[in-house]
Every structure is written in C-alpha cells, then in structure tokens.
Amino acid sequence: GGGSPSEMAFALDTDQAVADFVVGLQSGLPDEVTAAVEDLSAPGTTPYGAVVSTGCEPPRSVAIDAGEAGFQVVPALPKSTVQCLAPVTYVVVFAVPDA
C-alpha cells in the first residue's frame, strides 16, 4: 500500500488535501481512502487521516489524542516475531466536529 507512518493526522478538508495525502499510497488504497473521506464528510465536521503503520500485523487499537499541534495518532502495535516480507499499509480516517 505504500505511504509512511505519521504520528500526526492530516486535515483532509479539501480535494487537494486528500490528493496530497494519498499520493504515496498504492494498490487501490488511494481510491479506498478517498471514498472513506467522502463517506465521513458532513456539515460541521472536518475529516482527518494518518498512515498508522506498515507491517504484517494490524495495530491492536489506535488512539487519537487532541493536542496543541493537532491530532496525534497512537497505534498499539503487536510485537512481531516473524520477518515481514509483504508489509501492509494501515490507514485511519476519522471526522472531528468543527469548533
């Protein structure tokens, strides 16, 4: 799926912001993320997204913490004991009510 994990979520409030966010993703993931953002878009909310991790095992959970700099994305990653030959990209998309 591509992409690089980030601890900070990106506002996906414009078509350009969504295009910039999915530019490094591959294998149909850009279309899936774009569709998820469209599904979340509602008046009075702002969609955000982050690449949570890349690996062979999904995060057990993902916490979203609001801070002064924005929304921090904190995945709980399992300890892996196997070599990952085909990593998978895990993306989180969420909506936040406008202040």
C-alpha atoms as a PDB file:
ATOM      1  CA  GLY A   1       0.000   0.000   0.000  1.00  0.00           C
ATOM      2  CA  GLY A   2       2.930   2.423   0.379  1.00  0.00           C
ATOM      3  CA  GLY A   3       2.984   5.529   2.499  1.00  0.00           C
ATOM      4  CA  SER A   4       4.971   6.396   5.581  1.00  0.00           C
ATOM      5  CA  PRO A   5       3.566   6.233   9.109  1.00  0.00           C
ATOM      6  CA  SER A   6       2.984   9.571  10.811  1.00  0.00           C
ATOM      7  CA  GLU A   7       2.217  10.403  14.430  1.00  0.00           C
ATOM      8  CA  MET A   8       0.157  13.419  13.366  1.00  0.00           C
ATOM      9  CA  ALA A   9      -3.130  13.328  11.452  1.00  0.00           C
ATOM     10  CA  PHE A  10      -3.621  15.495   8.379  1.00  0.00           C
ATOM     11  CA  ALA A  11      -6.748  17.565   7.749  1.00  0.00           C
ATOM     12  CA  LEU A  12      -8.476  16.201   4.644  1.00  0.00           C
ATOM     13  CA  ASP A  13     -10.845  19.126   4.217  1.00  0.00           C
ATOM     14  CA  THR A  14     -10.256  19.858   0.517  1.00  0.00           C
ATOM     15  CA  ASP A  15      -9.902  17.770  -2.629  1.00  0.00           C
ATOM     16  CA  GLN A  16      -6.272  18.930  -2.866  1.00  0.00           C
ATOM     17  CA  ALA A  17      -5.564  17.865   0.736  1.00  0.00           C
ATOM     18  CA  VAL A  18      -6.965  14.392   0.002  1.00  0.00           C
ATOM     19  CA  ALA A  19      -4.948  14.161  -3.238  1.00  0.00           C
ATOM     20  CA  ASP A  20      -1.766  15.163  -1.388  1.00  0.00           C
ATOM     21  CA  PHE A  21      -2.442  12.601   1.377  1.00  0.00           C
ATOM     22  CA  VAL A  22      -2.992   9.630  -0.975  1.00  0.00           C
ATOM     23  CA  VAL A  23      -0.155  10.451  -3.406  1.00  0.00           C
ATOM     24  CA  GLY A  24       2.262   7.925  -1.829  1.00  0.00           C
ATOM     25  CA  LEU A  25      -0.301   5.148  -1.452  1.00  0.00           C
ATOM     26  CA  GLN A  26      -0.627   2.279  -3.944  1.00  0.00           C
ATOM     27  CA  SER A  27      -2.692  -0.751  -4.942  1.00  0.00           C
ATOM     28  CA  GLY A  28      -6.168   0.778  -4.852  1.00  0.00           C
ATOM     29  CA  LEU A  29      -5.634   2.344  -1.427  1.00  0.00           C
ATOM     30  CA  PRO A  30      -5.941   5.915  -2.768  1.00  0.00           C
ATOM     31  CA  ASP A  31      -9.469   5.165  -4.020  1.00  0.00           C
ATOM     32  CA  GLU A  32     -10.443   3.485  -0.742  1.00  0.00           C
ATOM     33  CA  VAL A  33      -9.157   6.399   1.352  1.00  0.00           C
ATOM     34  CA  THR A  34     -10.820   8.971  -0.917  1.00  0.00           C
ATOM     35  CA  ALA A  35     -14.134   7.101  -0.632  1.00  0.00           C
ATOM     36  CA  ALA A  36     -13.808   6.875   3.164  1.00  0.00           C
ATOM     37  CA  VAL A  37     -13.193  10.637   3.377  1.00  0.00           C
ATOM     38  CA  GLU A  38     -16.268  11.286   1.221  1.00  0.00           C
ATOM     39  CA  ASP A  39     -18.349   8.995   3.467  1.00  0.00           C
ATOM     40  CA  LEU A  40     -17.187  10.881   6.585  1.00  0.00           C
ATOM     41  CA  SER A  41     -17.698  14.353   5.149  1.00  0.00           C
ATOM     42  CA  ALA A  42     -20.643  16.081   6.798  1.00  0.00           C
ATOM     43  CA  PRO A  43     -21.502  19.698   7.547  1.00  0.00           C
ATOM     44  CA  GLY A  44     -19.881  20.848  10.762  1.00  0.00           C
ATOM     45  CA  THR A  45     -17.075  18.277  10.713  1.00  0.00           C
ATOM     46  CA  THR A  46     -13.540  18.036   9.331  1.00  0.00           C
ATOM     47  CA  PRO A  47     -12.111  14.702   8.148  1.00  0.00           C
ATOM     48  CA  TYR A  48      -8.556  13.738   9.134  1.00  0.00           C
ATOM     49  CA  GLY A  49      -6.308  10.868   8.140  1.00  0.00           C
ATOM     50  CA  ALA A  50      -2.995   9.267   9.009  1.00  0.00           C
ATOM     51  CA  VAL A  51      -0.937   6.295   7.918  1.00  0.00           C
ATOM     52  CA  VAL A  52      -0.864   4.375  11.195  1.00  0.00           C
ATOM     53  CA  SER A  53       1.663   1.673  10.370  1.00  0.00           C
ATOM     54  CA  THR A  54       3.122  -0.560   7.713  1.00  0.00           C
ATOM     55  CA  GLY A  55       3.718  -4.183   8.610  1.00  0.00           C
ATOM     56  CA  CYS A  56       2.337  -7.685   8.520  1.00  0.00           C
ATOM     57  CA  GLU A  57       0.143  -7.359  11.592  1.00  0.00           C
ATOM     58  CA  PRO A  58      -2.535  -4.703  12.106  1.00  0.00           C
ATOM     59  CA  PRO A  59      -2.471  -2.412  15.124  1.00  0.00           C
ATOM     60  CA  ARG A  60      -4.477  -3.792  18.069  1.00  0.00           C
ATOM     61  CA  SER A  61      -6.027  -0.343  18.524  1.00  0.00           C
ATOM     62  CA  VAL A  62      -5.498   3.289  17.579  1.00  0.00           C
ATOM     63  CA  ALA A  63      -5.929   6.214  19.972  1.00  0.00           C
ATOM     64  CA  ILE A  64      -6.478   9.781  18.781  1.00  0.00           C
ATOM     65  CA  ASP A  65      -5.175  12.443  21.165  1.00  0.00           C
ATOM     66  CA  ALA A  66      -6.018  16.121  20.656  1.00  0.00           C
ATOM     67  CA  GLY A  67      -3.079  18.405  21.374  1.00  0.00           C
ATOM     68  CA  GLU A  68      -1.899  21.926  20.710  1.00  0.00           C
ATOM     69  CA  ALA A  69      -0.238  20.898  17.442  1.00  0.00           C
ATOM     70  CA  GLY A  70      -3.214  18.864  16.180  1.00  0.00           C
ATOM     71  CA  PHE A  71      -4.376  15.273  16.477  1.00  0.00           C
ATOM     72  CA  GLN A  72      -1.756  12.717  17.445  1.00  0.00           C
ATOM     73  CA  VAL A  73      -2.356   9.156  16.254  1.00  0.00           C
ATOM     74  CA  VAL A  74      -1.055   6.497  18.655  1.00  0.00           C
ATOM     75  CA  PRO A  75      -1.286   2.886  17.456  1.00  0.00           C
ATOM     76  CA  ALA A  76      -0.906  -0.093  19.806  1.00  0.00           C
ATOM     77  CA  LEU A  77       1.309  -2.310  17.676  1.00  0.00           C
ATOM     78  CA  PRO A  78       1.767  -6.029  18.403  1.00  0.00           C
ATOM     79  CA  LYS A  79       5.252  -7.369  18.991  1.00  0.00           C
ATOM     80  CA  SER A  80       6.175  -9.252  15.849  1.00  0.00           C
ATOM     81  CA  THR A  81       8.400 -12.289  15.904  1.00  0.00           C
ATOM     82  CA  VAL A  82       8.223 -13.002  12.176  1.00  0.00           C
ATOM     83  CA  GLN A  83      10.053 -11.359   9.314  1.00  0.00           C
ATOM     84  CA  CYS A  84       7.610  -9.290   7.285  1.00  0.00           C
ATOM     85  CA  LEU A  85       8.159  -9.893   3.571  1.00  0.00           C
ATOM     86  CA  ALA A  86       4.979  -8.213   2.290  1.00  0.00           C
ATOM     87  CA  PRO A  87       4.072  -5.276   4.553  1.00  0.00           C
ATOM     88  CA  VAL A  88       0.546  -3.894   4.550  1.00  0.00           C
ATOM     89  CA  THR A  89      -0.309  -0.203   4.971  1.00  0.00           C
ATOM     90  CA  TYR A  90      -2.821   0.633   7.712  1.00  0.00           C
ATOM     91  CA  VAL A  91      -4.603   3.986   7.417  1.00  0.00           C
ATOM     92  CA  VAL A  92      -7.031   5.624   9.843  1.00  0.00           C
ATOM     93  CA  VAL A  93      -9.606   8.185   8.707  1.00  0.00           C
ATOM     94  CA  PHE A  94     -11.834   9.997  11.214  1.00  0.00           C
ATOM     95  CA  ALA A  95     -14.039  13.092  11.464  1.00  0.00           C
ATOM     96  CA  VAL A  96     -13.859  15.797  14.129  1.00  0.00           C
ATOM     97  CA  PRO A  97     -16.634  18.290  14.929  1.00  0.00           C
ATOM     98  CA  ASP A  98     -15.674  21.855  13.994  1.00  0.00           C
ATOM     99  CA  ALA A  99     -15.070  24.136  16.942  1.00  0.00           C
END
